Amino acid sequence: MKNEAEKLAVEIIRLDLMRDELLEKLIVLSGNQAHEILRCVQNNQYIEARE
């Protein structure tokens, strides 16, 4: 169990770092609108997943 928990923790950290890199790319591409774009896409995916 500890080994599986450690694997999950490492994967979470890896994904978090990847998220940071992708967010930086989004900011470069869209500037001040990056967070608004991200929020809009998140909301649309949430609505689509519920339907």
PDB file of N, CA and C in Angstrom:
ATOM      1  N   MET A   1       0.829  -1.205   0.000  1.00  0.00           N
ATOM      2  CA  MET A   1       0.000   0.000   0.000  1.00  0.00           C
ATOM      3  C   MET A   1       0.864   1.256   0.000  1.00  0.00           C
ATOM      4  N   LYS A   2       1.910   1.283   0.809  1.00  0.00           N
ATOM      5  CA  LYS A   2       2.760   2.469   0.855  1.00  0.00           C
ATOM      6  C   LYS A   2       3.376   2.741  -0.520  1.00  0.00           C
ATOM      7  N   ASN A   3       3.808   1.696  -1.197  1.00  0.00           N
ATOM      8  CA  ASN A   3       4.404   1.846  -2.512  1.00  0.00           C
ATOM      9  C   ASN A   3       3.401   2.461  -3.489  1.00  0.00           C
ATOM     10  N   GLU A   4       2.149   2.009  -3.439  1.00  0.00           N
ATOM     11  CA  GLU A   4       1.110   2.551  -4.317  1.00  0.00           C
ATOM     12  C   GLU A   4       0.841   4.020  -3.972  1.00  0.00           C
ATOM     13  N   ALA A   5       0.815   4.341  -2.697  1.00  0.00           N
ATOM     14  CA  ALA A   5       0.597   5.724  -2.270  1.00  0.00           C
ATOM     15  C   ALA A   5       1.735   6.623  -2.753  1.00  0.00           C
ATOM     16  N   GLU A   6       2.951   6.134  -2.662  1.00  0.00           N
ATOM     17  CA  GLU A   6       4.100   6.906  -3.142  1.00  0.00           C
ATOM     18  C   GLU A   6       4.018   7.125  -4.647  1.00  0.00           C
ATOM     19  N   LYS A   7       3.610   6.090  -5.386  1.00  0.00           N
ATOM     20  CA  LYS A   7       3.456   6.221  -6.838  1.00  0.00           C
ATOM     21  C   LYS A   7       2.412   7.280  -7.170  1.00  0.00           C
ATOM     22  N   LEU A   8       1.305   7.258  -6.443  1.00  0.00           N
ATOM     23  CA  LEU A   8       0.254   8.247  -6.675  1.00  0.00           C
ATOM     24  C   LEU A   8       0.738   9.658  -6.353  1.00  0.00           C
ATOM     25  N   ALA A   9       1.476   9.799  -5.267  1.00  0.00           N
ATOM     26  CA  ALA A   9       2.006  11.117  -4.896  1.00  0.00           C
ATOM     27  C   ALA A   9       2.945  11.644  -5.967  1.00  0.00           C
ATOM     28  N   VAL A  10       3.812  10.780  -6.486  1.00  0.00           N
ATOM     29  CA  VAL A  10       4.736  11.188  -7.548  1.00  0.00           C
ATOM     30  C   VAL A  10       3.953  11.589  -8.793  1.00  0.00           C
ATOM     31  N   GLU A  11       2.922  10.839  -9.133  1.00  0.00           N
ATOM     32  CA  GLU A  11       2.112  11.151 -10.316  1.00  0.00           C
ATOM     33  C   GLU A  11       1.388  12.485 -10.148  1.00  0.00           C
ATOM     34  N   ILE A  12       0.878  12.744  -8.969  1.00  0.00           N
ATOM     35  CA  ILE A  12       0.207  14.024  -8.699  1.00  0.00           C
ATOM     36  C   ILE A  12       1.182  15.178  -8.878  1.00  0.00           C
ATOM     37  N   ILE A  13       2.379  15.033  -8.357  1.00  0.00           N
ATOM     38  CA  ILE A  13       3.391  16.084  -8.506  1.00  0.00           C
ATOM     39  C   ILE A  13       3.742  16.284  -9.972  1.00  0.00           C
ATOM     40  N   ARG A  14       3.893  15.182 -10.721  1.00  0.00           N
ATOM     41  CA  ARG A  14       4.211  15.259 -12.148  1.00  0.00           C
ATOM     42  C   ARG A  14       3.110  16.006 -12.904  1.00  0.00           C
ATOM     43  N   LEU A  15       1.869  15.664 -12.595  1.00  0.00           N
ATOM     44  CA  LEU A  15       0.744  16.325 -13.249  1.00  0.00           C
ATOM     45  C   LEU A  15       0.659  17.800 -12.876  1.00  0.00           C
ATOM     46  N   ASP A  16       0.957  18.116 -11.626  1.00  0.00           N
ATOM     47  CA  ASP A  16       0.930  19.500 -11.178  1.00  0.00           C
ATOM     48  C   ASP A  16       1.979  20.336 -11.912  1.00  0.00           C
ATOM     49  N   LEU A  17       3.168  19.770 -12.085  1.00  0.00           N
ATOM     50  CA  LEU A  17       4.218  20.477 -12.822  1.00  0.00           C
ATOM     51  C   LEU A  17       3.828  20.653 -14.289  1.00  0.00           C
ATOM     52  N   MET A  18       3.209  19.626 -14.865  1.00  0.00           N
ATOM     53  CA  MET A  18       2.758  19.722 -16.249  1.00  0.00           C
ATOM     54  C   MET A  18       1.680  20.787 -16.385  1.00  0.00           C
ATOM     55  N   ARG A  19       0.778  20.853 -15.407  1.00  0.00           N
ATOM     56  CA  ARG A  19      -0.274  21.857 -15.422  1.00  0.00           C
ATOM     57  C   ARG A  19       0.333  23.262 -15.410  1.00  0.00           C
ATOM     58  N   ASP A  20       1.340  23.459 -14.568  1.00  0.00           N
ATOM     59  CA  ASP A  20       2.004  24.754 -14.505  1.00  0.00           C
ATOM     60  C   ASP A  20       2.625  25.128 -15.847  1.00  0.00           C
ATOM     61  N   GLU A  21       3.269  24.168 -16.500  1.00  0.00           N
ATOM     62  CA  GLU A  21       3.883  24.423 -17.804  1.00  0.00           C
ATOM     63  C   GLU A  21       2.830  24.779 -18.845  1.00  0.00           C
ATOM     64  N   LEU A  22       1.731  24.043 -18.838  1.00  0.00           N
ATOM     65  CA  LEU A  22       0.663  24.308 -19.806  1.00  0.00           C
ATOM     66  C   LEU A  22       0.004  25.657 -19.551  1.00  0.00           C
ATOM     67  N   LEU A  23      -0.178  26.004 -18.291  1.00  0.00           N
ATOM     68  CA  LEU A  23      -0.761  27.302 -17.966  1.00  0.00           C
ATOM     69  C   LEU A  23       0.149  28.433 -18.437  1.00  0.00           C
ATOM     70  N   GLU A  24       1.438  28.267 -18.269  1.00  0.00           N
ATOM     71  CA  GLU A  24       2.384  29.284 -18.763  1.00  0.00           C
ATOM     72  C   GLU A  24       2.272  29.444 -20.273  1.00  0.00           C
ATOM     73  N   LYS A  25       2.131  28.335 -20.995  1.00  0.00           N
ATOM     74  CA  LYS A  25       1.961  28.405 -22.454  1.00  0.00           C
ATOM     75  C   LYS A  25       0.664  29.118 -22.816  1.00  0.00           C
ATOM     76  N   LEU A  26      -0.402  28.812 -22.077  1.00  0.00           N
ATOM     77  CA  LEU A  26      -1.693  29.464 -22.326  1.00  0.00           C
ATOM     78  C   LEU A  26      -1.582  30.964 -22.088  1.00  0.00           C
ATOM     79  N   ILE A  27      -0.878  31.355 -21.037  1.00  0.00           N
ATOM     80  CA  ILE A  27      -0.693  32.782 -20.740  1.00  0.00           C
ATOM     81  C   ILE A  27       0.089  33.462 -21.850  1.00  0.00           C
ATOM     82  N   VAL A  28       1.105  32.796 -22.379  1.00  0.00           N
ATOM     83  CA  VAL A  28       1.886  33.366 -23.477  1.00  0.00           C
ATOM     84  C   VAL A  28       0.992  33.551 -24.704  1.00  0.00           C
ATOM     85  N   LEU A  29       0.148  32.562 -24.976  1.00  0.00           N
ATOM     86  CA  LEU A  29      -0.702  32.625 -26.163  1.00  0.00           C
ATOM     87  C   LEU A  29      -1.853  33.614 -26.041  1.00  0.00           C
ATOM     88  N   SER A  30      -2.412  33.729 -24.852  1.00  0.00           N
ATOM     89  CA  SER A  30      -3.628  34.529 -24.725  1.00  0.00           C
ATOM     90  C   SER A  30      -3.532  35.699 -23.762  1.00  0.00           C
ATOM     91  N   GLY A  31      -2.392  35.885 -23.149  1.00  0.00           N
ATOM     92  CA  GLY A  31      -2.180  37.054 -22.285  1.00  0.00           C
ATOM     93  C   GLY A  31      -3.156  37.135 -21.135  1.00  0.00           C
ATOM     94  N   ASN A  32      -3.720  38.320 -20.961  1.00  0.00           N
ATOM     95  CA  ASN A  32      -4.603  38.586 -19.821  1.00  0.00           C
ATOM     96  C   ASN A  32      -5.871  37.750 -19.835  1.00  0.00           C
ATOM     97  N   GLN A  33      -6.209  37.175 -20.978  1.00  0.00           N
ATOM     98  CA  GLN A  33      -7.447  36.397 -21.080  1.00  0.00           C
ATOM     99  C   GLN A  33      -7.262  34.931 -20.688  1.00  0.00           C
ATOM    100  N   ALA A  34      -6.061  34.523 -20.335  1.00  0.00           N
ATOM    101  CA  ALA A  34      -5.770  33.110 -20.071  1.00  0.00           C
ATOM    102  C   ALA A  34      -6.693  32.505 -19.013  1.00  0.00           C
ATOM    103  N   HIS A  35      -6.851  33.179 -17.901  1.00  0.00           N
ATOM    104  CA  HIS A  35      -7.662  32.608 -16.818  1.00  0.00           C
ATOM    105  C   HIS A  35      -9.137  32.574 -17.199  1.00  0.00           C
ATOM    106  N   GLU A  36      -9.586  33.570 -17.937  1.00  0.00           N
ATOM    107  CA  GLU A  36     -10.974  33.588 -18.405  1.00  0.00           C
ATOM    108  C   GLU A  36     -11.218  32.435 -19.386  1.00  0.00           C
ATOM    109  N   ILE A  37     -10.282  32.209 -20.296  1.00  0.00           N
ATOM    110  CA  ILE A  37     -10.399  31.111 -21.256  1.00  0.00           C
ATOM    111  C   ILE A  37     -10.421  29.774 -20.520  1.00  0.00           C
ATOM    112  N   LEU A  38      -9.511  29.612 -19.587  1.00  0.00           N
ATOM    113  CA  LEU A  38      -9.443  28.369 -18.818  1.00  0.00           C
ATOM    114  C   LEU A  38     -10.748  28.127 -18.071  1.00  0.00           C
ATOM    115  N   ARG A  39     -11.265  29.151 -17.422  1.00  0.00           N
ATOM    116  CA  ARG A  39     -12.515  29.023 -16.666  1.00  0.00           C
ATOM    117  C   ARG A  39     -13.671  28.655 -17.600  1.00  0.00           C
ATOM    118  N   CYS A  40     -13.732  29.292 -18.753  1.00  0.00           N
ATOM    119  CA  CYS A  40     -14.799  29.023 -19.722  1.00  0.00           C
ATOM    120  C   CYS A  40     -14.744  27.575 -20.199  1.00  0.00           C
ATOM    121  N   VAL A  41     -13.561  27.100 -20.542  1.00  0.00           N
ATOM    122  CA  VAL A  41     -13.404  25.718 -21.005  1.00  0.00           C
ATOM    123  C   VAL A  41     -13.756  24.746 -19.881  1.00  0.00           C
ATOM    124  N   GLN A  42     -13.312  25.031 -18.672  1.00  0.00           N
ATOM    125  CA  GLN A  42     -13.634  24.161 -17.539  1.00  0.00           C
ATOM    126  C   GLN A  42     -15.141  24.081 -17.336  1.00  0.00           C
ATOM    127  N   ASN A  43     -15.818  25.215 -17.392  1.00  0.00           N
ATOM    128  CA  ASN A  43     -17.266  25.237 -17.193  1.00  0.00           C
ATOM    129  C   ASN A  43     -17.984  24.474 -18.287  1.00  0.00           C
ATOM    130  N   ASN A  44     -17.555  24.628 -19.526  1.00  0.00           N
ATOM    131  CA  ASN A  44     -18.190  23.916 -20.629  1.00  0.00           C
ATOM    132  C   ASN A  44     -17.985  22.421 -20.506  1.00  0.00           C
ATOM    133  N   GLN A  45     -16.789  21.975 -20.123  1.00  0.00           N
ATOM    134  CA  GLN A  45     -16.550  20.546 -19.959  1.00  0.00           C
ATOM    135  C   GLN A  45     -17.371  19.989 -18.805  1.00  0.00           C
ATOM    136  N   TYR A  46     -17.525  20.773 -17.756  1.00  0.00           N
ATOM    137  CA  TYR A  46     -18.307  20.323 -16.618  1.00  0.00           C
ATOM    138  C   TYR A  46     -19.758  20.145 -17.034  1.00  0.00           C
ATOM    139  N   ILE A  47     -20.298  21.078 -17.806  1.00  0.00           N
ATOM    140  CA  ILE A  47     -21.682  20.998 -18.270  1.00  0.00           C
ATOM    141  C   ILE A  47     -21.839  19.793 -19.198  1.00  0.00           C
ATOM    142  N   GLU A  48     -20.899  19.597 -20.138  1.00  0.00           N
ATOM    143  CA  GLU A  48     -20.985  18.483 -21.076  1.00  0.00           C
ATOM    144  C   GLU A  48     -20.891  17.141 -20.358  1.00  0.00           C
ATOM    145  N   ALA A  49     -20.073  17.043 -19.318  1.00  0.00           N
ATOM    146  CA  ALA A  49     -19.906  15.788 -18.585  1.00  0.00           C
ATOM    147  C   ALA A  49     -21.178  15.430 -17.825  1.00  0.00           C
ATOM    148  N   ARG A  50     -21.938  16.421 -17.418  1.00  0.00           N
ATOM    149  CA  ARG A  50     -23.152  16.182 -16.651  1.00  0.00           C
ATOM    150  C   ARG A  50     -24.308  15.774 -17.541  1.00  0.00           C
ATOM    151  N   GLU A  51     -24.253  16.112 -18.821  1.00  0.00           N
ATOM    152  CA  GLU A  51     -25.394  15.835 -19.728  1.00  0.00           C
ATOM    153  C   GLU A  51     -25.456  14.391 -20.142  1.00  0.00           C
TER     154      GLU A  51
END
